[in-house]
Amino acid sequence: MQEIQYLTTYRILRKIASGGMGSVYLAEQLGADGFRKLVAIKTIKKECLKNQENIDLFVGEAKLVADLIHENVLQVYQLGQIKGIYYIVMEYAHGKNLADFIRAHKEMHKVSNVEIGAFIISRVCRALHYAHEARDMRGQPLNIVHRDVTPSNIILTFGGVVKLTDFGIAKAVVMRTPDEGEVIMGKLPYMSPEQAKFQGTTRQSDIFSLGLVMYELLTNTVVYNVNDIDDLVDKMDNYSIKPPRRLNPHIPERLEQIMMRALAVNPADRYQTAREFGQDLEHYMYDGGYGPTNEKLQRYLQRLFPNEANAPIASLHDSGELATPAAGGQLAPPLT
């Protein structure tokens, strides 16, 4: 990071997270007359630069997301290169990812409040629909499929805003990505059946993945807790998904119906757009009157993470590795 530190207008403050391909740092963008702006800088590991495919995915992500400007999509500001080191400058979202959120509930032997959970997923639906419908400057559809909708790629800011991030393995007509008939892309526990069977992905694949995330969020249970692709395909072909109300009786029947439609094995039986999925969630939340809001999510996060939510950003400690869902104990009533 020294090259970025000394050869650009960015000052690195600390590492936020690390993953298989690289790391994310909190940084300050410096300007004239004492101008300072907090940003996040994503880098790619030097060993990954030896593979052109990795570079293409990293650069492709920056180019793809550059013009995606939406409240629920983490914004990209710049793609840079210094002495062979690629980096992406992004919006800094002060908060926790959904994997952290689920893990915190498991550690307390509780499950997320159902209304808050529905709200979070409805906002990811907005982000996905926006991305799926995005067009280039000539007005041509980009045909974006995220392909990596997982708890670790959904950020909940302490201001109560939900952000979808990490389009690193997304596919679009403008990107060079590996052939889905030969190379599998994504994380096994959150893949759609067609993704796992090398049949190619569509927007319905993202909807299935989000359904898996929703199931985990409201039950503390990973539907496909597998380590290899053969095990995943076997479970998809031979075992039906257990109705979530059996694991969490606090889930209303209507919400279970919405979730199970998103999790239909046949893409034709799922929601055809993320907007439809989100609209059903919003009807569920708001038809009876005042429902969850950004402010309610903000207060919920402040109770769940009081030390971090209320602390100055500069005082927070390095969070280390990206969080992953942890095995939890017995299910208890929802956190309210």
C-alpha atoms as a PDB file:
ATOM      1  CA  MET A   1       0.000   0.000   0.000  1.00  0.00           C
ATOM      2  CA  GLN A   2       2.993   2.355   0.229  1.00  0.00           C
ATOM      3  CA  GLU A   3       2.754   3.250  -3.460  1.00  0.00           C
ATOM      4  CA  ILE A   4      -0.871   4.342  -3.065  1.00  0.00           C
ATOM      5  CA  GLN A   5      -0.014   6.146   0.166  1.00  0.00           C
ATOM      6  CA  TYR A   6       2.818   8.230  -1.308  1.00  0.00           C
ATOM      7  CA  LEU A   7       1.961   8.574  -5.000  1.00  0.00           C
ATOM      8  CA  THR A   8      -1.718   9.541  -4.828  1.00  0.00           C
ATOM      9  CA  THR A   9      -3.940  11.933  -2.888  1.00  0.00           C
ATOM     10  CA  TYR A  10      -5.120   9.103  -0.622  1.00  0.00           C
ATOM     11  CA  ARG A  11      -3.859   8.496   2.905  1.00  0.00           C
ATOM     12  CA  ILE A  12      -4.351   4.966   4.213  1.00  0.00           C
ATOM     13  CA  LEU A  13      -5.780   4.812   7.747  1.00  0.00           C
ATOM     14  CA  ARG A  14      -6.176   1.079   8.376  1.00  0.00           C
ATOM     15  CA  LYS A  15      -7.204  -2.240   6.895  1.00  0.00           C
ATOM     16  CA  ILE A  16     -10.944  -2.908   7.033  1.00  0.00           C
ATOM     17  CA  ALA A  17     -11.120  -6.437   5.671  1.00  0.00           C
ATOM     18  CA  SER A  18      -9.216  -9.135   3.791  1.00  0.00           C
ATOM     19  CA  GLY A  19     -10.358 -11.781   1.349  1.00  0.00           C
ATOM     20  CA  GLY A  20      -9.005 -14.307  -1.091  1.00  0.00           C
ATOM     21  CA  MET A  21      -8.349 -11.795  -3.864  1.00  0.00           C
ATOM     22  CA  GLY A  22      -7.267  -8.734  -1.913  1.00  0.00           C
ATOM     23  CA  SER A  23      -7.920  -6.303   0.903  1.00  0.00           C
ATOM     24  CA  VAL A  24     -10.033  -3.244   1.645  1.00  0.00           C
ATOM     25  CA  TYR A  25      -8.612  -0.218   3.455  1.00  0.00           C
ATOM     26  CA  LEU A  26     -10.134   2.829   5.062  1.00  0.00           C
ATOM     27  CA  ALA A  27      -8.510   5.918   3.595  1.00  0.00           C
ATOM     28  CA  GLU A  28      -8.764   9.682   3.383  1.00  0.00           C
ATOM     29  CA  GLN A  29      -8.940  11.487   0.094  1.00  0.00           C
ATOM     30  CA  LEU A  30      -7.008  14.731   0.518  1.00  0.00           C
ATOM     31  CA  GLY A  31      -7.597  17.955  -1.401  1.00  0.00           C
ATOM     32  CA  ALA A  32      -7.019  21.694  -1.403  1.00  0.00           C
ATOM     33  CA  ASP A  33      -7.377  23.807   1.725  1.00  0.00           C
ATOM     34  CA  GLY A  34      -7.608  20.870   4.114  1.00  0.00           C
ATOM     35  CA  PHE A  35     -10.292  18.971   2.188  1.00  0.00           C
ATOM     36  CA  ARG A  36     -10.677  15.429   3.521  1.00  0.00           C
ATOM     37  CA  LYS A  37     -13.131  12.683   2.572  1.00  0.00           C
ATOM     38  CA  LEU A  38     -13.334   9.144   3.934  1.00  0.00           C
ATOM     39  CA  VAL A  39     -13.282   6.461   1.248  1.00  0.00           C
ATOM     40  CA  ALA A  40     -12.618   2.741   1.007  1.00  0.00           C
ATOM     41  CA  ILE A  41      -9.827   1.427  -1.224  1.00  0.00           C
ATOM     42  CA  LYS A  42      -9.975  -2.114  -2.546  1.00  0.00           C
ATOM     43  CA  THR A  43      -6.754  -3.702  -3.768  1.00  0.00           C
ATOM     44  CA  ILE A  44      -5.872  -6.930  -5.540  1.00  0.00           C
ATOM     45  CA  LYS A  45      -3.106  -9.147  -4.166  1.00  0.00           C
ATOM     46  CA  LYS A  46       0.175  -9.124  -6.083  1.00  0.00           C
ATOM     47  CA  GLU A  47       0.078 -12.891  -6.548  1.00  0.00           C
ATOM     48  CA  CYS A  48      -3.349 -12.553  -8.185  1.00  0.00           C
ATOM     49  CA  LEU A  49      -1.870 -10.159 -10.756  1.00  0.00           C
ATOM     50  CA  LYS A  50      -0.066 -13.108 -12.349  1.00  0.00           C
ATOM     51  CA  ASN A  51      -3.408 -14.318 -13.710  1.00  0.00           C
ATOM     52  CA  GLN A  52      -4.890 -12.052 -16.391  1.00  0.00           C
ATOM     53  CA  GLU A  53      -8.357 -13.403 -15.626  1.00  0.00           C
ATOM     54  CA  ASN A  54      -8.125 -12.008 -12.093  1.00  0.00           C
ATOM     55  CA  ILE A  55      -7.115  -8.611 -13.418  1.00  0.00           C
ATOM     56  CA  ASP A  56      -9.982  -8.658 -15.913  1.00  0.00           C
ATOM     57  CA  LEU A  57     -12.497  -9.393 -13.130  1.00  0.00           C
ATOM     58  CA  PHE A  58     -11.085  -6.666 -10.879  1.00  0.00           C
ATOM     59  CA  VAL A  59     -10.986  -4.036 -13.618  1.00  0.00           C
ATOM     60  CA  GLY A  60     -14.343  -5.206 -14.950  1.00  0.00           C
ATOM     61  CA  GLU A  61     -15.973  -4.693 -11.571  1.00  0.00           C
ATOM     62  CA  ALA A  62     -14.800  -1.078 -11.379  1.00  0.00           C
ATOM     63  CA  LYS A  63     -15.928  -0.271 -14.904  1.00  0.00           C
ATOM     64  CA  LEU A  64     -19.266  -2.009 -14.459  1.00  0.00           C
ATOM     65  CA  VAL A  65     -20.231  -0.358 -11.165  1.00  0.00           C
ATOM     66  CA  ALA A  66     -18.872   3.106 -12.021  1.00  0.00           C
ATOM     67  CA  ASP A  67     -22.207   4.306 -13.406  1.00  0.00           C
ATOM     68  CA  LEU A  68     -24.425   2.396 -10.971  1.00  0.00           C
ATOM     69  CA  ILE A  69     -25.640   5.180  -8.699  1.00  0.00           C
ATOM     70  CA  HIS A  70     -28.324   4.024  -6.306  1.00  0.00           C
ATOM     71  CA  GLU A  71     -28.891   4.359  -2.570  1.00  0.00           C
ATOM     72  CA  ASN A  72     -28.669   0.584  -2.108  1.00  0.00           C
ATOM     73  CA  VAL A  73     -25.568  -0.051  -4.264  1.00  0.00           C
ATOM     74  CA  LEU A  74     -22.105   0.725  -2.918  1.00  0.00           C
ATOM     75  CA  GLN A  75     -20.684   3.343  -5.253  1.00  0.00           C
ATOM     76  CA  VAL A  76     -17.345   3.158  -7.067  1.00  0.00           C
ATOM     77  CA  TYR A  77     -15.450   6.441  -7.585  1.00  0.00           C
ATOM     78  CA  GLN A  78     -12.213   5.534  -9.350  1.00  0.00           C
ATOM     79  CA  LEU A  79     -10.066   2.742 -10.788  1.00  0.00           C
ATOM     80  CA  GLY A  80      -6.364   3.418 -10.393  1.00  0.00           C
ATOM     81  CA  GLN A  81      -3.022   1.783 -11.084  1.00  0.00           C
ATOM     82  CA  ILE A  82       0.271   2.646  -9.407  1.00  0.00           C
ATOM     83  CA  LYS A  83       3.433   0.720 -10.327  1.00  0.00           C
ATOM     84  CA  GLY A  84       1.390  -2.269 -11.421  1.00  0.00           C
ATOM     85  CA  ILE A  85      -0.885  -2.219  -8.364  1.00  0.00           C
ATOM     86  CA  TYR A  86      -4.576  -1.919  -9.213  1.00  0.00           C
ATOM     87  CA  TYR A  87      -6.950  -0.312  -6.754  1.00  0.00           C
ATOM     88  CA  ILE A  88     -10.605   0.720  -6.674  1.00  0.00           C
ATOM     89  CA  VAL A  89     -11.719   3.765  -4.704  1.00  0.00           C
ATOM     90  CA  MET A  90     -15.211   3.239  -3.306  1.00  0.00           C
ATOM     91  CA  GLU A  91     -17.792   4.808  -1.059  1.00  0.00           C
ATOM     92  CA  TYR A  92     -17.039   4.061   2.580  1.00  0.00           C
ATOM     93  CA  ALA A  93     -20.095   2.575   4.287  1.00  0.00           C
ATOM     94  CA  HIS A  94     -19.612   2.712   8.052  1.00  0.00           C
ATOM     95  CA  GLY A  95     -21.438  -0.332   9.363  1.00  0.00           C
ATOM     96  CA  LYS A  96     -21.509  -4.122   9.418  1.00  0.00           C
ATOM     97  CA  ASN A  97     -22.048  -6.697   6.743  1.00  0.00           C
ATOM     98  CA  LEU A  98     -25.004  -9.042   7.013  1.00  0.00           C
ATOM     99  CA  ALA A  99     -22.731 -11.945   7.960  1.00  0.00           C
ATOM    100  CA  ASP A 100     -21.662  -9.947  11.046  1.00  0.00           C
ATOM    101  CA  PHE A 101     -25.330  -9.188  11.752  1.00  0.00           C
ATOM    102  CA  ILE A 102     -26.348 -12.869  11.599  1.00  0.00           C
ATOM    103  CA  ARG A 103     -23.331 -13.949  13.634  1.00  0.00           C
ATOM    104  CA  ALA A 104     -24.133 -11.422  16.397  1.00  0.00           C
ATOM    105  CA  HIS A 105     -27.624 -12.879  16.728  1.00  0.00           C
ATOM    106  CA  LYS A 106     -26.295 -16.441  16.821  1.00  0.00           C
ATOM    107  CA  GLU A 107     -23.859 -15.553  19.579  1.00  0.00           C
ATOM    108  CA  MET A 108     -26.828 -14.345  21.657  1.00  0.00           C
ATOM    109  CA  HIS A 109     -28.842 -17.445  20.651  1.00  0.00           C
ATOM    110  CA  LYS A 110     -31.406 -15.170  19.058  1.00  0.00           C
ATOM    111  CA  VAL A 111     -32.732 -14.617  15.572  1.00  0.00           C
ATOM    112  CA  SER A 112     -33.252 -11.344  13.751  1.00  0.00           C
ATOM    113  CA  ASN A 113     -36.477  -9.416  14.166  1.00  0.00           C
ATOM    114  CA  VAL A 114     -38.683 -10.607  11.293  1.00  0.00           C
ATOM    115  CA  GLU A 115     -39.798  -7.134  10.199  1.00  0.00           C
ATOM    116  CA  ILE A 116     -36.232  -5.816  10.165  1.00  0.00           C
ATOM    117  CA  GLY A 117     -35.137  -8.886   8.192  1.00  0.00           C
ATOM    118  CA  ALA A 118     -37.861  -8.358   5.598  1.00  0.00           C
ATOM    119  CA  PHE A 119     -36.848  -4.693   5.318  1.00  0.00           C
ATOM    120  CA  ILE A 120     -33.188  -5.558   4.704  1.00  0.00           C
ATOM    121  CA  ILE A 121     -34.039  -8.050   1.956  1.00  0.00           C
ATOM    122  CA  SER A 122     -36.492  -5.621   0.320  1.00  0.00           C
ATOM    123  CA  ARG A 123     -33.696  -3.058  -0.031  1.00  0.00           C
ATOM    124  CA  VAL A 124     -31.370  -5.625  -1.597  1.00  0.00           C
ATOM    125  CA  CYS A 125     -34.228  -6.317  -4.040  1.00  0.00           C
ATOM    126  CA  ARG A 126     -34.165  -2.632  -4.991  1.00  0.00           C
ATOM    127  CA  ALA A 127     -30.421  -2.785  -5.573  1.00  0.00           C
ATOM    128  CA  LEU A 128     -30.666  -5.950  -7.667  1.00  0.00           C
ATOM    129  CA  HIS A 129     -33.522  -4.661  -9.802  1.00  0.00           C
ATOM    130  CA  TYR A 130     -31.625  -1.450 -10.464  1.00  0.00           C
ATOM    131  CA  ALA A 131     -28.519  -3.404 -11.494  1.00  0.00           C
ATOM    132  CA  HIS A 132     -30.490  -5.893 -13.586  1.00  0.00           C
ATOM    133  CA  GLU A 133     -32.179  -3.069 -15.497  1.00  0.00           C
ATOM    134  CA  ALA A 134     -29.052  -0.915 -15.927  1.00  0.00           C
ATOM    135  CA  ARG A 135     -28.156   0.360 -19.405  1.00  0.00           C
ATOM    136  CA  ASP A 136     -25.001   1.778 -20.922  1.00  0.00           C
ATOM    137  CA  MET A 137     -24.560   5.342 -22.178  1.00  0.00           C
ATOM    138  CA  ARG A 138     -26.074   4.344 -25.527  1.00  0.00           C
ATOM    139  CA  GLY A 139     -29.172   3.013 -23.805  1.00  0.00           C
ATOM    140  CA  GLN A 140     -28.329  -0.651 -24.403  1.00  0.00           C
ATOM    141  CA  PRO A 141     -29.100  -3.155 -21.623  1.00  0.00           C
ATOM    142  CA  LEU A 142     -26.018  -4.282 -19.705  1.00  0.00           C
ATOM    143  CA  ASN A 143     -27.720  -7.547 -18.656  1.00  0.00           C
ATOM    144  CA  ILE A 144     -25.943  -7.568 -15.303  1.00  0.00           C
ATOM    145  CA  VAL A 145     -26.158 -10.641 -13.082  1.00  0.00           C
ATOM    146  CA  HIS A 146     -24.432 -10.219  -9.710  1.00  0.00           C
ATOM    147  CA  ARG A 147     -23.752 -13.971  -9.162  1.00  0.00           C
ATOM    148  CA  ASP A 148     -22.445 -13.468  -5.624  1.00  0.00           C
ATOM    149  CA  VAL A 149     -25.390 -12.366  -3.482  1.00  0.00           C
ATOM    150  CA  THR A 150     -24.230 -13.464  -0.019  1.00  0.00           C
ATOM    151  CA  PRO A 151     -24.427 -12.085   3.546  1.00  0.00           C
ATOM    152  CA  SER A 152     -20.830 -10.821   3.376  1.00  0.00           C
ATOM    153  CA  ASN A 153     -21.689  -8.729   0.295  1.00  0.00           C
ATOM    154  CA  ILE A 154     -24.583  -6.886   1.932  1.00  0.00           C
ATOM    155  CA  ILE A 155     -23.613  -3.940   4.151  1.00  0.00           C
ATOM    156  CA  LEU A 156     -25.844  -2.384   6.803  1.00  0.00           C
ATOM    157  CA  THR A 157     -24.647   1.112   7.588  1.00  0.00           C
ATOM    158  CA  PHE A 158     -25.051   2.446  11.092  1.00  0.00           C
ATOM    159  CA  GLY A 159     -27.258   5.104   9.485  1.00  0.00           C
ATOM    160  CA  GLY A 160     -29.742   2.360   8.594  1.00  0.00           C
ATOM    161  CA  VAL A 161     -29.025   2.087   4.846  1.00  0.00           C
ATOM    162  CA  VAL A 162     -28.637  -1.287   3.134  1.00  0.00           C
ATOM    163  CA  LYS A 163     -25.905  -1.547   0.472  1.00  0.00           C
ATOM    164  CA  LEU A 164     -25.199  -4.331  -2.028  1.00  0.00           C
ATOM    165  CA  THR A 165     -21.518  -4.542  -2.875  1.00  0.00           C
ATOM    166  CA  ASP A 166     -18.822  -6.656  -4.558  1.00  0.00           C
ATOM    167  CA  PHE A 167     -19.710  -7.072  -8.218  1.00  0.00           C
ATOM    168  CA  GLY A 168     -16.326  -8.743  -8.652  1.00  0.00           C
ATOM    169  CA  ILE A 169     -17.689 -11.848 -10.372  1.00  0.00           C
ATOM    170  CA  ALA A 170     -20.744 -10.222 -11.931  1.00  0.00           C
ATOM    171  CA  LYS A 171     -21.385 -10.879 -15.581  1.00  0.00           C
ATOM    172  CA  ALA A 172     -22.610  -8.397 -18.144  1.00  0.00           C
ATOM    173  CA  VAL A 173     -22.500  -7.966 -21.907  1.00  0.00           C
ATOM    174  CA  VAL A 174     -19.604  -5.518 -21.511  1.00  0.00           C
ATOM    175  CA  MET A 175     -17.442  -7.846 -19.412  1.00  0.00           C
ATOM    176  CA  ARG A 176     -15.069 -10.654 -20.270  1.00  0.00           C
ATOM    177  CA  THR A 177     -15.989 -13.407 -17.829  1.00  0.00           C
ATOM    178  CA  PRO A 178     -15.297 -17.155 -17.865  1.00  0.00           C
ATOM    179  CA  ASP A 179     -17.718 -19.446 -19.706  1.00  0.00           C
ATOM    180  CA  GLU A 180     -20.355 -20.527 -17.167  1.00  0.00           C
ATOM    181  CA  GLY A 181     -20.597 -23.869 -18.922  1.00  0.00           C
ATOM    182  CA  GLU A 182     -16.995 -24.592 -17.951  1.00  0.00           C
ATOM    183  CA  VAL A 183     -16.172 -22.506 -14.863  1.00  0.00           C
ATOM    184  CA  ILE A 184     -18.356 -22.159 -11.790  1.00  0.00           C
ATOM    185  CA  MET A 185     -18.482 -18.708 -10.209  1.00  0.00           C
ATOM    186  CA  GLY A 186     -19.828 -17.852  -6.777  1.00  0.00           C
ATOM    187  CA  LYS A 187     -19.975 -19.253  -3.243  1.00  0.00           C
ATOM    188  CA  LEU A 188     -21.415 -22.756  -2.947  1.00  0.00           C
ATOM    189  CA  PRO A 189     -23.948 -22.196  -0.115  1.00  0.00           C
ATOM    190  CA  TYR A 190     -25.603 -19.324  -2.007  1.00  0.00           C
ATOM    191  CA  MET A 191     -25.738 -20.679  -5.562  1.00  0.00           C
ATOM    192  CA  SER A 192     -28.875 -21.248  -7.573  1.00  0.00           C
ATOM    193  CA  PRO A 193     -29.510 -24.735  -9.017  1.00  0.00           C
ATOM    194  CA  GLU A 194     -28.712 -23.581 -12.556  1.00  0.00           C
ATOM    195  CA  GLN A 195     -25.518 -21.916 -11.342  1.00  0.00           C
ATOM    196  CA  ALA A 196     -24.400 -25.100  -9.558  1.00  0.00           C
ATOM    197  CA  LYS A 197     -25.104 -27.206 -12.657  1.00  0.00           C
ATOM    198  CA  PHE A 198     -23.075 -25.019 -15.055  1.00  0.00           C
ATOM    199  CA  GLN A 199     -26.261 -24.023 -16.902  1.00  0.00           C
ATOM    200  CA  GLY A 200     -25.647 -20.266 -16.820  1.00  0.00           C
ATOM    201  CA  THR A 201     -27.145 -17.533 -14.663  1.00  0.00           C
ATOM    202  CA  THR A 202     -29.906 -14.995 -15.145  1.00  0.00           C
ATOM    203  CA  ARG A 203     -31.530 -12.421 -12.891  1.00  0.00           C
ATOM    204  CA  GLN A 204     -33.632 -15.277 -11.461  1.00  0.00           C
ATOM    205  CA  SER A 205     -30.371 -16.790 -10.182  1.00  0.00           C
ATOM    206  CA  ASP A 206     -29.716 -13.680  -8.082  1.00  0.00           C
ATOM    207  CA  ILE A 207     -33.278 -13.917  -6.756  1.00  0.00           C
ATOM    208  CA  PHE A 208     -32.690 -17.516  -5.613  1.00  0.00           C
ATOM    209  CA  SER A 209     -29.430 -16.505  -3.914  1.00  0.00           C
ATOM    210  CA  LEU A 210     -31.191 -13.665  -2.126  1.00  0.00           C
ATOM    211  CA  GLY A 211     -33.881 -16.121  -1.032  1.00  0.00           C
ATOM    212  CA  LEU A 212     -31.138 -18.263   0.544  1.00  0.00           C
ATOM    213  CA  VAL A 213     -29.782 -15.189   2.327  1.00  0.00           C
ATOM    214  CA  MET A 214     -33.263 -14.327   3.587  1.00  0.00           C
ATOM    215  CA  TYR A 215     -33.784 -17.883   4.859  1.00  0.00           C
ATOM    216  CA  GLU A 216     -30.522 -17.738   6.798  1.00  0.00           C
ATOM    217  CA  LEU A 217     -31.290 -14.266   8.147  1.00  0.00           C
ATOM    218  CA  LEU A 218     -34.675 -15.313   9.563  1.00  0.00           C
ATOM    219  CA  THR A 219     -33.786 -18.824  10.768  1.00  0.00           C
ATOM    220  CA  ASN A 220     -30.033 -18.727  11.551  1.00  0.00           C
ATOM    221  CA  THR A 221     -29.763 -21.778   9.270  1.00  0.00           C
ATOM    222  CA  VAL A 222     -27.728 -22.095   6.061  1.00  0.00           C
ATOM    223  CA  VAL A 223     -29.886 -24.031   3.591  1.00  0.00           C
ATOM    224  CA  TYR A 224     -26.977 -25.608   1.714  1.00  0.00           C
ATOM    225  CA  ASN A 225     -24.179 -26.042   4.231  1.00  0.00           C
ATOM    226  CA  VAL A 226     -21.838 -27.830   1.806  1.00  0.00           C
ATOM    227  CA  ASN A 227     -18.151 -27.913   0.941  1.00  0.00           C
ATOM    228  CA  ASP A 228     -18.165 -29.318  -2.605  1.00  0.00           C
ATOM    229  CA  ILE A 229     -20.224 -28.943  -5.738  1.00  0.00           C
ATOM    230  CA  ASP A 230     -21.299 -32.603  -5.932  1.00  0.00           C
ATOM    231  CA  ASP A 231     -22.782 -32.433  -2.439  1.00  0.00           C
ATOM    232  CA  LEU A 232     -24.575 -29.211  -3.353  1.00  0.00           C
ATOM    233  CA  VAL A 233     -26.143 -30.652  -6.514  1.00  0.00           C
ATOM    234  CA  ASP A 234     -27.153 -33.820  -4.642  1.00  0.00           C
ATOM    235  CA  LYS A 235     -28.968 -31.797  -1.976  1.00  0.00           C
ATOM    236  CA  MET A 236     -30.670 -29.626  -4.581  1.00  0.00           C
ATOM    237  CA  ASP A 237     -31.860 -32.643  -6.567  1.00  0.00           C
ATOM    238  CA  ASN A 238     -32.895 -34.940  -3.728  1.00  0.00           C
ATOM    239  CA  TYR A 239     -33.927 -32.796  -0.778  1.00  0.00           C
ATOM    240  CA  SER A 240     -36.590 -30.129  -0.580  1.00  0.00           C
ATOM    241  CA  ILE A 241     -36.001 -26.968   1.440  1.00  0.00           C
ATOM    242  CA  LYS A 242     -37.564 -27.220   4.891  1.00  0.00           C
ATOM    243  CA  PRO A 243     -40.322 -24.617   5.389  1.00  0.00           C
ATOM    244  CA  PRO A 244     -38.705 -21.809   7.410  1.00  0.00           C
ATOM    245  CA  ARG A 245     -41.616 -21.605   9.876  1.00  0.00           C
ATOM    246  CA  ARG A 246     -40.546 -24.998  11.228  1.00  0.00           C
ATOM    247  CA  LEU A 247     -37.282 -23.394  12.309  1.00  0.00           C
ATOM    248  CA  ASN A 248     -38.689 -20.033  13.360  1.00  0.00           C
ATOM    249  CA  PRO A 249     -42.413 -19.995  14.207  1.00  0.00           C
ATOM    250  CA  HIS A 250     -42.260 -16.178  14.468  1.00  0.00           C
ATOM    251  CA  ILE A 251     -42.173 -15.980  10.644  1.00  0.00           C
ATOM    252  CA  PRO A 252     -45.691 -15.150   9.392  1.00  0.00           C
ATOM    253  CA  GLU A 253     -47.197 -17.510   6.836  1.00  0.00           C
ATOM    254  CA  ARG A 254     -47.307 -14.778   4.166  1.00  0.00           C
ATOM    255  CA  LEU A 255     -43.601 -14.072   4.575  1.00  0.00           C
ATOM    256  CA  GLU A 256     -42.830 -17.784   4.289  1.00  0.00           C
ATOM    257  CA  GLN A 257     -44.781 -17.913   1.012  1.00  0.00           C
ATOM    258  CA  ILE A 258     -42.749 -15.010  -0.380  1.00  0.00           C
ATOM    259  CA  MET A 259     -39.477 -16.649   0.653  1.00  0.00           C
ATOM    260  CA  MET A 260     -40.376 -20.037  -0.810  1.00  0.00           C
ATOM    261  CA  ARG A 261     -41.383 -18.494  -4.128  1.00  0.00           C
ATOM    262  CA  ALA A 262     -37.926 -16.902  -4.362  1.00  0.00           C
ATOM    263  CA  LEU A 263     -36.485 -20.369  -3.626  1.00  0.00           C
ATOM    264  CA  ALA A 264     -38.373 -22.264  -6.334  1.00  0.00           C
ATOM    265  CA  VAL A 265     -36.020 -24.770  -7.996  1.00  0.00           C
ATOM    266  CA  ASN A 266     -37.418 -23.995 -11.449  1.00  0.00           C
ATOM    267  CA  PRO A 267     -36.497 -20.404 -12.423  1.00  0.00           C
ATOM    268  CA  ALA A 268     -39.858 -20.042 -14.180  1.00  0.00           C
ATOM    269  CA  ASP A 269     -41.613 -20.547 -10.839  1.00  0.00           C
ATOM    270  CA  ARG A 270     -39.586 -17.857  -9.048  1.00  0.00           C
ATOM    271  CA  TYR A 271     -40.149 -14.141  -9.064  1.00  0.00           C
ATOM    272  CA  GLN A 272     -39.233 -13.000 -12.552  1.00  0.00           C
ATOM    273  CA  THR A 273     -37.774  -9.721 -11.323  1.00  0.00           C
ATOM    274  CA  ALA A 274     -36.250  -8.527  -8.066  1.00  0.00           C
ATOM    275  CA  ARG A 275     -38.809  -5.709  -8.168  1.00  0.00           C
ATOM    276  CA  GLU A 276     -41.654  -8.251  -7.882  1.00  0.00           C
ATOM    277  CA  PHE A 277     -39.878  -9.907  -4.945  1.00  0.00           C
ATOM    278  CA  GLY A 278     -39.350  -6.546  -3.256  1.00  0.00           C
ATOM    279  CA  GLN A 279     -42.895  -5.346  -3.899  1.00  0.00           C
ATOM    280  CA  ASP A 280     -44.357  -8.438  -2.249  1.00  0.00           C
ATOM    281  CA  LEU A 281     -42.108  -7.804   0.755  1.00  0.00           C
ATOM    282  CA  GLU A 282     -43.183  -4.171   0.895  1.00  0.00           C
ATOM    283  CA  HIS A 283     -46.867  -5.085   0.673  1.00  0.00           C
ATOM    284  CA  TYR A 284     -46.299  -7.485   3.543  1.00  0.00           C
ATOM    285  CA  MET A 285     -44.526  -4.800   5.608  1.00  0.00           C
ATOM    286  CA  TYR A 286     -46.672  -1.750   4.909  1.00  0.00           C
ATOM    287  CA  ASP A 287     -50.217  -2.785   3.952  1.00  0.00           C
ATOM    288  CA  GLY A 288     -51.175  -2.872   7.624  1.00  0.00           C
ATOM    289  CA  GLY A 289     -49.808   0.598   8.329  1.00  0.00           C
ATOM    290  CA  TYR A 290     -46.463   1.936   9.553  1.00  0.00           C
ATOM    291  CA  GLY A 291     -43.664  -0.561   8.930  1.00  0.00           C
ATOM    292  CA  PRO A 292     -39.860  -0.729   9.189  1.00  0.00           C
ATOM    293  CA  THR A 293     -37.717   2.184   7.978  1.00  0.00           C
ATOM    294  CA  ASN A 294     -34.075   3.199   7.717  1.00  0.00           C
ATOM    295  CA  GLU A 295     -34.442   4.828  11.137  1.00  0.00           C
ATOM    296  CA  LYS A 296     -35.764   1.625  12.713  1.00  0.00           C
ATOM    297  CA  LEU A 297     -32.862  -0.341  11.239  1.00  0.00           C
ATOM    298  CA  GLN A 298     -30.478   2.342  12.541  1.00  0.00           C
ATOM    299  CA  ARG A 299     -31.826   1.992  16.088  1.00  0.00           C
ATOM    300  CA  TYR A 300     -31.735  -1.794  15.847  1.00  0.00           C
ATOM    301  CA  LEU A 301     -28.056  -1.748  14.808  1.00  0.00           C
ATOM    302  CA  GLN A 302     -27.212   0.675  17.611  1.00  0.00           C
ATOM    303  CA  ARG A 303     -28.626  -1.817  20.114  1.00  0.00           C
ATOM    304  CA  LEU A 304     -26.910  -4.778  18.477  1.00  0.00           C
ATOM    305  CA  PHE A 305     -23.484  -3.116  18.064  1.00  0.00           C
ATOM    306  CA  PRO A 306     -23.509  -0.277  20.649  1.00  0.00           C
ATOM    307  CA  ASN A 307     -19.737   0.139  20.945  1.00  0.00           C
ATOM    308  CA  GLU A 308     -19.102   0.475  17.223  1.00  0.00           C
ATOM    309  CA  ALA A 309     -22.283   2.242  16.148  1.00  0.00           C
ATOM    310  CA  ASN A 310     -21.760   5.076  18.603  1.00  0.00           C
ATOM    311  CA  ALA A 311     -17.968   5.368  18.401  1.00  0.00           C
ATOM    312  CA  PRO A 312     -16.075   7.840  16.202  1.00  0.00           C
ATOM    313  CA  ILE A 313     -14.877   6.119  13.033  1.00  0.00           C
ATOM    314  CA  ALA A 314     -11.250   6.952  13.768  1.00  0.00           C
ATOM    315  CA  SER A 315     -11.349   5.038  17.059  1.00  0.00           C
ATOM    316  CA  LEU A 316     -12.593   1.723  15.696  1.00  0.00           C
ATOM    317  CA  HIS A 317     -10.188  -1.188  15.678  1.00  0.00           C
ATOM    318  CA  ASP A 318      -9.159  -3.178  12.611  1.00  0.00           C
ATOM    319  CA  SER A 319     -11.958  -5.676  11.947  1.00  0.00           C
ATOM    320  CA  GLY A 320      -9.632  -8.227  10.310  1.00  0.00           C
ATOM    321  CA  GLU A 321     -11.004 -10.959   8.116  1.00  0.00           C
ATOM    322  CA  LEU A 322     -14.418 -10.758   6.546  1.00  0.00           C
ATOM    323  CA  ALA A 323     -16.968 -12.318   8.862  1.00  0.00           C
ATOM    324  CA  THR A 324     -18.701 -15.539   7.925  1.00  0.00           C
ATOM    325  CA  PRO A 325     -21.837 -17.033   9.460  1.00  0.00           C
ATOM    326  CA  ALA A 326     -20.964 -19.021  12.557  1.00  0.00           C
ATOM    327  CA  ALA A 327     -22.649 -22.127  13.847  1.00  0.00           C
ATOM    328  CA  GLY A 328     -25.027 -21.055  16.567  1.00  0.00           C
ATOM    329  CA  GLY A 329     -26.901 -22.503  19.490  1.00  0.00           C
ATOM    330  CA  GLN A 330     -30.573 -23.029  20.141  1.00  0.00           C
ATOM    331  CA  LEU A 331     -33.010 -20.638  18.486  1.00  0.00           C
ATOM    332  CA  ALA A 332     -34.512 -18.067  20.840  1.00  0.00           C
ATOM    333  CA  PRO A 333     -37.189 -15.393  20.339  1.00  0.00           C
ATOM    334  CA  PRO A 334     -36.349 -12.568  17.904  1.00  0.00           C
ATOM    335  CA  LEU A 335     -34.300  -9.608  19.006  1.00  0.00           C
ATOM    336  CA  THR A 336     -36.677  -6.644  19.193  1.00  0.00           C
END
